[in-house]
């Protein structure tokens, strides 16, 4: 698709256009005649195609929102998310002449003299920016991440318009206040993700929390600036290559990733919340290289305590305790009792904690795990109105889902209970 970044007014106009087309299609689907199910499927496919094209052209927060929606295929119509999944593929980078002025604006002549060469062809591109290899004057290989012009300034406008589209499309049948909380959480993370100064701080914070088997690049702060992030080049293989490695290496990669996630959730409260394969590289000694640090969720200590309580109560089949923790997190609708949800809690925990109970480790190549979880949730759709979305956990669940799929793609075998217990989770011995 042709992709160009537009000014704020142009972005708003594009999103308003998509909003108007969504509303028009929603009215047409109620016109009498034809098969209702077929018309619904066609409606969502057309809306999805329109959104994918519009958000993909705009990049930035607009495209990030589309990528997030595509991740939650169980919550949205399949015909819709199938179209949005193309936003998760590699993005065509902008020509170097369109982004090189960012370097001219960010670097003084003295800083420019420290860099001998910048490769004009990007090695990676995404919704926020693109990455170029370069070399310092002393021969040291580095990478330079450049933010697309206008994406940081457009976050507020993009999210506002996308909130309007979500409301018109009725994609999420939740009350306005809950929707506003979710959108506010998304906006906060997107503002952070498009702020390269924040990404530098995240990288420095994570480097201050070293974790076995996890490799972070070294930032070159003297070359970083607004819209420019410069780091050491850390080599590694892509997921596609790592999938062909010996089982033992893949198990080690999986154990390191899961331990890293669990430590962030249950100990440090610092969670990398954008764990898709493109943000990682893998080494055949079992190390995992992390590349992107824009989306890091900081979990408050009280929320960490509640997450520990949820895990502990779920494993102990303590449904009143589970319900109480959910209430404290704001995840239960007013007036709903533990008794009303006990059957759902019991069935969900029975499926959810299969990896924890696996005595000899869990084989993440087992496709039945997610299938059974989905069947459980779909079987209790009538209970959905009894819950409220927990905005504080939106990006935590995104991190958990992302790491699960990394381990699934690696087909890793991991001693989940042992890894959890070693990294702060309340696992009974």
Protein backbone atom coordinates (compact mmCIF):
# COMPACT_ATOMS: atom_id res chain seq x y z
CA UNK A 1 0.00 0.00 0.00
CA UNK A 2 1.27 3.55 -0.58
CA UNK A 3 2.28 4.94 2.81
CA UNK A 4 2.87 8.58 3.55
CA UNK A 5 2.78 10.52 6.81
CA UNK A 6 0.43 13.49 6.69
CA UNK A 7 0.10 16.63 8.82
CA UNK A 8 -2.27 16.67 11.81
CA UNK A 9 -5.13 18.22 9.85
CA UNK A 10 -4.73 15.69 7.07
CA UNK A 11 -4.61 12.80 9.54
CA UNK A 12 -7.80 13.98 11.20
CA UNK A 13 -9.52 14.28 7.83
CA UNK A 14 -8.48 10.73 6.88
CA UNK A 15 -9.78 9.32 10.16
CA UNK A 16 -13.00 11.33 9.98
CA UNK A 17 -13.50 9.93 6.49
CA UNK A 18 -13.10 6.38 7.77
CA UNK A 19 -15.53 7.22 10.58
CA UNK A 20 -18.15 8.48 8.13
CA UNK A 21 -17.74 5.44 5.88
CA UNK A 22 -18.10 3.12 8.89
CA UNK A 23 -21.33 4.86 9.89
CA UNK A 24 -22.66 4.68 6.33
CA UNK A 25 -21.93 0.97 6.08
CA UNK A 26 -23.55 0.34 9.47
CA UNK A 27 -26.77 1.91 8.16
CA UNK A 28 -26.68 -0.08 4.92
CA UNK A 29 -26.33 -3.41 6.71
CA UNK A 30 -29.80 -2.86 8.23
CA UNK A 31 -31.44 -2.50 4.81
CA UNK A 32 -33.99 -5.35 4.39
CA UNK A 33 -33.17 -8.24 2.09
CA UNK A 34 -30.39 -10.77 1.77
CA UNK A 35 -28.91 -13.17 4.28
CA UNK A 36 -28.32 -11.40 7.61
CA UNK A 37 -25.18 -13.37 8.55
CA UNK A 38 -23.69 -12.88 5.10
CA UNK A 39 -24.41 -9.15 5.23
CA UNK A 40 -22.77 -8.90 8.67
CA UNK A 41 -19.64 -10.71 7.43
CA UNK A 42 -19.45 -8.48 4.36
CA UNK A 43 -19.91 -5.36 6.50
CA UNK A 44 -17.02 -6.24 8.84
CA UNK A 45 -14.76 -7.27 5.97
CA UNK A 46 -15.36 -3.94 4.20
CA UNK A 47 -14.84 -1.94 7.41
CA UNK A 48 -11.66 -3.91 8.16
CA UNK A 49 -10.23 -3.33 4.68
CA UNK A 50 -11.02 0.39 4.90
CA UNK A 51 -9.44 0.70 8.35
CA UNK A 52 -6.35 -1.28 7.34
CA UNK A 53 -5.73 0.95 4.32
CA UNK A 54 -6.38 4.21 6.20
CA UNK A 55 -4.42 3.36 9.35
CA UNK A 56 -1.56 1.85 7.37
CA UNK A 57 -1.14 5.02 5.33
CA UNK A 58 -1.09 7.19 8.44
CA UNK A 59 1.28 5.06 10.55
CA UNK A 60 1.89 6.35 14.08
CA UNK A 61 -0.75 5.92 16.79
CA UNK A 62 -3.44 5.23 14.19
CA UNK A 63 -1.57 2.21 12.85
CA UNK A 64 -0.61 1.06 16.36
CA UNK A 65 -4.29 0.99 17.33
CA UNK A 66 -5.08 -1.16 14.31
CA UNK A 67 -2.25 -3.54 15.20
CA UNK A 68 -3.56 -3.85 18.76
CA UNK A 69 -7.11 -4.60 17.62
CA UNK A 70 -5.78 -7.30 15.28
CA UNK A 71 -4.12 -8.99 18.28
CA UNK A 72 -7.48 -9.46 20.02
CA UNK A 73 -9.19 -11.57 17.39
CA UNK A 74 -11.39 -13.25 20.02
CA UNK A 75 -13.00 -9.92 20.96
CA UNK A 76 -13.76 -8.65 17.47
CA UNK A 77 -15.42 -10.08 14.34
CA UNK A 78 -13.07 -12.43 12.48
CA UNK A 79 -13.76 -10.81 9.11
CA UNK A 80 -12.66 -7.48 10.61
CA UNK A 81 -9.45 -8.62 12.33
CA UNK A 82 -8.41 -10.73 9.33
CA UNK A 83 -8.18 -7.53 7.29
CA UNK A 84 -6.31 -5.64 10.03
CA UNK A 85 -3.65 -8.35 10.36
CA UNK A 86 -1.85 -6.95 7.34
CA UNK A 87 -0.86 -4.02 9.58
CA UNK A 88 1.27 -6.45 11.60
CA UNK A 89 3.47 -7.32 8.64
CA UNK A 90 6.64 -5.48 7.75
CA UNK A 91 6.05 -1.88 6.72
CA UNK A 92 7.66 -0.38 3.65
CA UNK A 93 10.29 2.13 4.89
CA UNK A 94 10.26 5.72 3.77
CA UNK A 95 13.03 6.80 1.38
CA UNK A 96 16.13 7.96 3.25
CA UNK A 97 15.86 11.47 1.80
CA UNK A 98 12.53 11.86 3.65
CA UNK A 99 13.97 10.97 7.07
CA UNK A 100 17.59 12.15 6.80
CA UNK A 101 16.58 15.76 7.68
CA UNK A 102 15.79 14.40 11.15
CA UNK A 103 19.49 13.69 11.61
CA UNK A 104 20.44 17.12 10.29
CA UNK A 105 18.09 18.71 12.82
CA UNK A 106 19.12 16.52 15.76
CA UNK A 107 22.92 16.48 15.38
CA UNK A 108 25.42 19.28 15.65
CA UNK A 109 28.47 19.24 13.33
CA UNK A 110 30.50 17.77 16.21
CA UNK A 111 27.99 14.94 16.69
CA UNK A 112 27.79 14.33 12.96
CA UNK A 113 31.59 13.93 12.88
CA UNK A 114 31.30 10.97 15.28
CA UNK A 115 29.44 8.95 12.64
CA UNK A 116 31.37 7.79 9.59
CA UNK A 117 28.50 6.33 7.59
CA UNK A 118 24.74 5.76 7.68
CA UNK A 119 23.30 3.10 5.38
CA UNK A 120 20.48 4.74 3.39
CA UNK A 121 18.47 1.50 3.15
CA UNK A 122 16.48 0.82 6.35
CA UNK A 123 16.87 -2.63 7.91
CA UNK A 124 13.48 -2.42 9.63
CA UNK A 125 10.38 -0.24 9.56
CA UNK A 126 7.27 -0.10 11.73
CA UNK A 127 4.40 2.17 12.67
CA UNK A 128 6.48 4.72 14.59
CA UNK A 129 9.77 4.84 12.70
CA UNK A 130 12.51 2.94 10.90
CA UNK A 131 16.01 1.67 11.68
CA UNK A 132 19.27 2.17 9.77
CA UNK A 133 22.65 0.56 10.29
CA UNK A 134 25.56 2.95 10.73
CA UNK A 135 29.21 3.04 11.76
CA UNK A 136 31.02 5.31 14.17
CA UNK A 137 34.24 7.01 13.13
CA UNK A 138 36.19 4.43 15.14
CA UNK A 139 34.53 1.57 13.21
CA UNK A 140 32.00 0.56 15.88
CA UNK A 141 28.73 -0.72 14.32
CA UNK A 142 25.58 1.03 15.58
CA UNK A 143 21.90 1.29 14.68
CA UNK A 144 19.91 4.51 14.38
CA UNK A 145 16.17 4.56 14.96
CA UNK A 146 14.39 7.51 13.33
CA UNK A 147 10.86 8.58 14.26
CA UNK A 148 8.55 9.48 11.41
CA UNK A 149 7.77 13.21 11.26
CA UNK A 150 4.52 14.21 12.92
CA UNK A 151 3.58 10.94 14.64
CA UNK A 152 4.29 12.12 18.21
CA UNK A 153 2.38 15.37 17.80
CA UNK A 154 -0.59 13.56 16.25
CA UNK A 155 -1.22 11.03 19.06
CA UNK A 156 -3.95 13.03 20.81
CA UNK A 157 -5.81 13.77 17.57
CA UNK A 158 -5.42 10.20 16.26
CA UNK A 159 -6.71 8.59 19.45
CA UNK A 160 -9.63 11.04 19.68
CA UNK A 161 -10.76 10.19 16.16
CA UNK A 162 -10.25 6.45 16.69
CA UNK A 163 -12.35 6.63 19.85
CA UNK A 164 -15.12 8.13 17.72
CA UNK A 165 -14.81 5.34 15.15
CA UNK A 166 -14.95 2.66 17.86
CA UNK A 167 -18.11 4.21 19.22
CA UNK A 168 -19.80 4.39 15.81
CA UNK A 169 -18.86 0.85 14.84
CA UNK A 170 -20.04 -0.69 18.14
CA UNK A 171 -16.98 -2.91 18.06
CA UNK A 172 -16.74 -3.07 21.85
CA UNK A 173 -20.16 -3.24 23.52
CA UNK A 174 -19.05 -1.63 26.78
CA UNK A 175 -20.20 1.48 28.61
CA UNK A 176 -18.70 4.82 27.64
CA UNK A 177 -16.83 5.33 30.92
CA UNK A 178 -15.06 1.96 30.58
CA UNK A 179 -14.25 2.72 26.95
CA UNK A 180 -12.84 6.10 27.95
CA UNK A 181 -10.57 4.46 30.54
CA UNK A 182 -9.26 1.97 27.98
CA UNK A 183 -8.66 4.68 25.39
CA UNK A 184 -6.89 6.84 27.99
CA UNK A 185 -4.54 3.95 28.80
CA UNK A 186 -3.83 3.40 25.10
CA UNK A 187 -3.19 7.12 24.60
CA UNK A 188 -0.75 7.23 27.53
CA UNK A 189 1.25 4.28 26.17
CA UNK A 190 1.26 5.67 22.61
CA UNK A 191 2.48 9.06 23.85
CA UNK A 192 5.32 7.28 25.63
CA UNK A 193 6.07 5.05 22.65
CA UNK A 194 6.43 7.96 20.25
CA UNK A 195 8.70 9.84 22.69
CA UNK A 196 12.23 8.62 22.00
CA UNK A 197 13.47 10.36 25.15
CA UNK A 198 11.11 8.07 27.07
CA UNK A 199 12.35 5.05 25.12
CA UNK A 200 15.92 5.94 26.09
CA UNK A 201 14.89 6.12 29.75
CA UNK A 202 13.15 2.73 29.46
CA UNK A 203 16.27 1.19 27.96
CA UNK A 204 18.45 2.60 30.73
CA UNK A 205 15.98 1.36 33.36
CA UNK A 206 15.94 -2.18 31.94
CA UNK A 207 19.72 -2.24 31.63
CA UNK A 208 19.73 -1.41 35.34
CA UNK A 209 17.69 -4.58 35.94
CA UNK A 210 19.91 -7.16 34.19
CA UNK A 211 18.29 -10.52 33.61
CA UNK A 212 19.98 -13.81 32.76
CA UNK A 213 19.63 -14.66 29.09
CA UNK A 214 18.32 -11.21 28.07
CA UNK A 215 20.56 -8.86 26.06
CA UNK A 216 19.91 -5.12 25.83
CA UNK A 217 21.72 -2.78 23.42
CA UNK A 218 23.91 -0.04 24.86
CA UNK A 219 22.51 3.43 24.15
CA UNK A 220 24.81 6.16 22.83
CA UNK A 221 23.19 9.03 24.72
CA UNK A 222 25.47 11.67 23.18
CA UNK A 223 23.92 10.93 19.75
CA UNK A 224 20.30 10.57 20.90
CA UNK A 225 17.81 13.39 20.54
CA UNK A 226 14.20 14.20 19.68
CA UNK A 227 13.14 11.61 17.13
CA UNK A 228 16.56 9.90 17.09
CA UNK A 229 17.68 6.90 19.18
CA UNK A 230 21.18 5.48 18.70
CA UNK A 231 22.25 2.12 20.14
CA UNK A 232 24.94 -0.52 19.78
CA UNK A 233 24.22 -3.11 17.12
CA UNK A 234 23.41 -6.46 18.76
CA UNK A 235 23.35 -9.37 16.36
CA UNK A 236 20.95 -12.29 16.46
CA UNK A 237 18.78 -14.52 14.32
CA UNK A 238 15.16 -13.88 13.38
CA UNK A 239 12.37 -16.08 14.72
CA UNK A 240 12.19 -17.99 11.41
CA UNK A 241 15.79 -19.17 11.81
CA UNK A 242 15.51 -19.90 15.54
CA UNK A 243 12.53 -22.16 14.88
CA UNK A 244 14.91 -24.60 13.15
CA UNK A 245 17.35 -24.87 16.05
CA UNK A 246 17.72 -27.86 18.37
CA UNK A 247 14.97 -28.39 20.94
CA UNK A 248 17.30 -27.69 23.85
CA UNK A 249 18.23 -24.24 22.53
CA UNK A 250 14.60 -23.36 21.86
CA UNK A 251 13.68 -24.52 25.39
CA UNK A 252 16.36 -22.24 26.81
CA UNK A 253 15.13 -19.28 24.75
CA UNK A 254 11.58 -19.92 25.95
CA UNK A 255 12.62 -20.22 29.60
CA UNK A 256 14.52 -16.94 29.43
CA UNK A 257 11.58 -15.12 27.85
CA UNK A 258 9.06 -16.46 30.37
CA UNK A 259 11.34 -15.73 33.33
CA UNK A 260 11.88 -12.19 32.06
CA UNK A 261 8.13 -11.61 31.74
CA UNK A 262 7.33 -13.08 35.16
CA UNK A 263 10.04 -11.07 36.89
CA UNK A 264 8.61 -7.90 35.34
CA UNK A 265 5.07 -8.69 36.47
CA UNK A 266 5.70 -10.09 39.94
CA UNK A 267 8.92 -8.37 41.08
CA UNK A 268 10.13 -5.25 39.29
CA UNK A 269 6.80 -4.01 37.91
CA UNK A 270 8.56 -3.13 34.64
CA UNK A 271 7.06 -5.02 31.69
CA UNK A 272 8.01 -4.85 28.02
CA UNK A 273 4.51 -4.54 26.59
CA UNK A 274 5.15 -4.98 22.85
CA UNK A 275 6.61 -8.50 22.66
CA UNK A 276 6.20 -9.50 19.02
CA UNK A 277 8.83 -11.40 17.09
CA UNK A 278 10.09 -8.35 15.20
CA UNK A 279 11.25 -6.76 18.46
CA UNK A 280 13.58 -9.65 19.30
CA UNK A 281 16.53 -11.59 17.95
CA UNK A 282 17.78 -14.96 19.12
CA UNK A 283 21.21 -16.47 19.70
CA UNK A 284 22.09 -20.16 19.64
CA UNK A 285 23.56 -19.92 23.15
CA UNK A 286 20.01 -19.33 24.46
CA UNK A 287 20.23 -15.54 24.77
CA UNK A 288 17.40 -13.27 23.60
CA UNK A 289 18.20 -9.78 22.23
CA UNK A 290 15.58 -7.08 22.83
CA UNK A 291 15.41 -4.27 20.28
CA UNK A 292 12.46 -1.99 21.05
CA UNK A 293 11.78 -0.14 24.32
CA UNK A 294 9.04 2.32 23.46
CA UNK A 295 6.17 0.45 25.13
CA UNK A 296 7.08 -0.43 28.72
CA UNK A 297 4.28 -0.74 31.27
CA UNK A 298 5.04 0.15 34.88
CA UNK A 299 2.78 -1.79 37.26
CA UNK A 300 1.99 -0.16 40.63
CA UNK A 301 2.92 -2.25 43.73
CA UNK A 302 -0.73 -2.60 44.77
CA UNK A 303 -1.62 -4.03 41.36
CA UNK A 304 1.29 -6.49 41.60
CA UNK A 305 -0.12 -7.68 44.93
CA UNK A 306 -3.54 -8.20 43.36
CA UNK A 307 -2.04 -10.15 40.45
CA UNK A 308 -0.27 -12.41 42.93
CA UNK A 309 -3.54 -12.85 44.78
CA UNK A 310 -5.36 -13.78 41.57
CA UNK A 311 -2.77 -16.44 40.74
CA UNK A 312 -2.68 -17.80 44.28
CA UNK A 313 -6.47 -17.98 44.60
CA UNK A 314 -6.90 -19.48 41.14
CA UNK A 315 -4.47 -22.31 41.85
CA UNK A 316 -6.14 -22.92 45.24
CA UNK A 317 -9.67 -22.89 43.75
CA UNK A 318 -10.54 -20.00 46.08
CA UNK A 319 -13.30 -18.34 44.07
CA UNK A 320 -14.39 -15.78 46.71
CA UNK A 321 -10.74 -14.70 46.94
CA UNK A 322 -10.48 -14.54 43.15
CA UNK A 323 -13.64 -12.44 42.98
CA UNK A 324 -12.46 -10.08 45.71
CA UNK A 325 -9.18 -9.44 43.88
CA UNK A 326 -11.08 -8.80 40.65
CA UNK A 327 -13.34 -6.33 42.47
CA UNK A 328 -10.36 -4.46 43.89
CA UNK A 329 -8.90 -4.23 40.39
CA UNK A 330 -12.19 -2.78 39.13
CA UNK A 331 -13.00 -5.74 36.90
CA UNK A 332 -16.46 -6.65 38.24
CA UNK A 333 -19.74 -4.93 37.38
CA UNK A 334 -21.74 -3.46 40.24
CA UNK A 335 -23.79 -5.97 42.22
CA UNK A 336 -22.25 -9.14 40.75
CA UNK A 337 -21.41 -11.75 43.41
CA UNK A 338 -18.78 -14.48 43.49
CA UNK A 339 -21.52 -17.12 43.40
CA UNK A 340 -22.73 -15.83 40.04
CA UNK A 341 -19.29 -16.37 38.50
CA UNK A 342 -18.03 -19.42 40.39
CA UNK A 343 -18.69 -21.85 37.51
CA UNK A 344 -16.82 -19.61 35.08
CA UNK A 345 -13.89 -19.09 37.47
CA UNK A 346 -13.60 -22.85 38.01
CA UNK A 347 -13.72 -23.78 34.33
CA UNK A 348 -11.35 -21.00 33.27
CA UNK A 349 -8.79 -21.83 35.98
CA UNK A 350 -8.95 -25.51 35.05
CA UNK A 351 -7.81 -24.61 31.53
CA UNK A 352 -5.69 -21.52 32.22
CA UNK A 353 -3.33 -23.18 34.68
CA UNK A 354 -2.59 -26.30 32.65
CA UNK A 355 1.00 -25.09 31.95
CA UNK A 356 1.57 -24.44 35.67
CA UNK A 357 0.38 -27.92 36.67
CA UNK A 358 2.42 -29.74 34.00
CA UNK A 359 4.84 -31.80 36.11
CA UNK A 360 7.52 -32.28 33.44
CA UNK A 361 7.20 -28.84 31.88
CA UNK A 362 4.69 -27.52 29.35
CA UNK A 363 5.06 -28.06 25.63
CA UNK A 364 4.07 -24.75 24.01
CA UNK A 365 3.61 -26.47 20.66
CA UNK A 366 0.34 -27.89 22.06
CA UNK A 367 -2.31 -26.06 20.02
CA UNK A 368 -5.16 -27.42 22.16
CA UNK A 369 -4.29 -25.06 25.03
CA UNK A 370 -5.54 -21.86 23.36
CA UNK A 371 -8.38 -23.71 21.63
CA UNK A 372 -9.74 -24.88 24.98
CA UNK A 373 -9.33 -21.45 26.56
CA UNK A 374 -11.29 -19.91 23.70
CA UNK A 375 -13.99 -22.56 23.98
CA UNK A 376 -14.32 -21.80 27.70
CA UNK A 377 -14.66 -18.05 27.14
CA UNK A 378 -17.10 -18.48 24.27
CA UNK A 379 -19.15 -20.89 26.37
CA UNK A 380 -19.59 -18.18 29.01
CA UNK A 381 -20.30 -15.20 26.75
CA UNK A 382 -23.50 -14.69 28.71
CA UNK A 383 -21.34 -13.74 31.70
CA UNK A 384 -19.41 -11.05 29.84
CA UNK A 385 -21.67 -8.23 31.05
CA UNK A 386 -20.72 -9.13 34.63
CA UNK A 387 -17.15 -7.95 34.04
CA UNK A 388 -15.59 -4.58 33.34
CA UNK A 389 -12.37 -4.10 31.34
CA UNK A 390 -9.39 -3.38 33.60
CA UNK A 391 -7.55 -0.60 31.82
CA UNK A 392 -4.53 -0.90 34.13
CA UNK A 393 -3.97 -4.46 32.86
CA UNK A 394 -4.55 -3.84 29.14
CA UNK A 395 -0.85 -3.79 28.30
CA UNK A 396 0.02 -6.45 30.88
CA UNK A 397 -2.29 -8.92 29.18
CA UNK A 398 -0.83 -7.81 25.85
CA UNK A 399 2.62 -8.72 27.17
CA UNK A 400 1.45 -12.12 28.44
CA UNK A 401 -0.24 -12.91 25.14
CA UNK A 402 2.79 -11.77 23.15
CA UNK A 403 5.26 -13.91 25.11
CA UNK A 404 2.93 -16.91 24.87
CA UNK A 405 2.96 -16.66 21.07
CA UNK A 406 6.74 -16.28 21.02
CA UNK A 407 7.03 -19.54 22.99
CA UNK A 408 4.38 -21.14 20.79
CA UNK A 409 6.33 -20.22 17.64
CA UNK A 410 9.54 -21.55 19.20
CA UNK A 411 7.66 -24.73 20.23
CA UNK A 412 9.56 -24.45 23.50
CA UNK A 413 9.18 -26.86 26.41
CA UNK A 414 9.36 -24.89 29.64
CA UNK A 415 9.02 -25.83 33.37
CA UNK A 416 6.43 -23.09 33.89
CA UNK A 417 5.81 -23.59 37.62
CA UNK A 418 9.53 -23.55 38.39
CA UNK A 419 10.10 -20.43 36.28
CA UNK A 420 7.17 -18.64 37.92
CA UNK A 421 8.28 -19.54 41.44
CA UNK A 422 11.86 -18.40 40.75
CA UNK A 423 10.66 -14.99 39.58
CA UNK A 424 8.32 -13.83 42.30
CA UNK A 425 5.05 -15.63 41.52
CA UNK A 426 3.24 -17.24 44.50
CA UNK A 427 3.50 -20.87 43.35
CA UNK A 428 2.92 -23.46 46.12
CA UNK A 429 5.79 -25.95 46.50
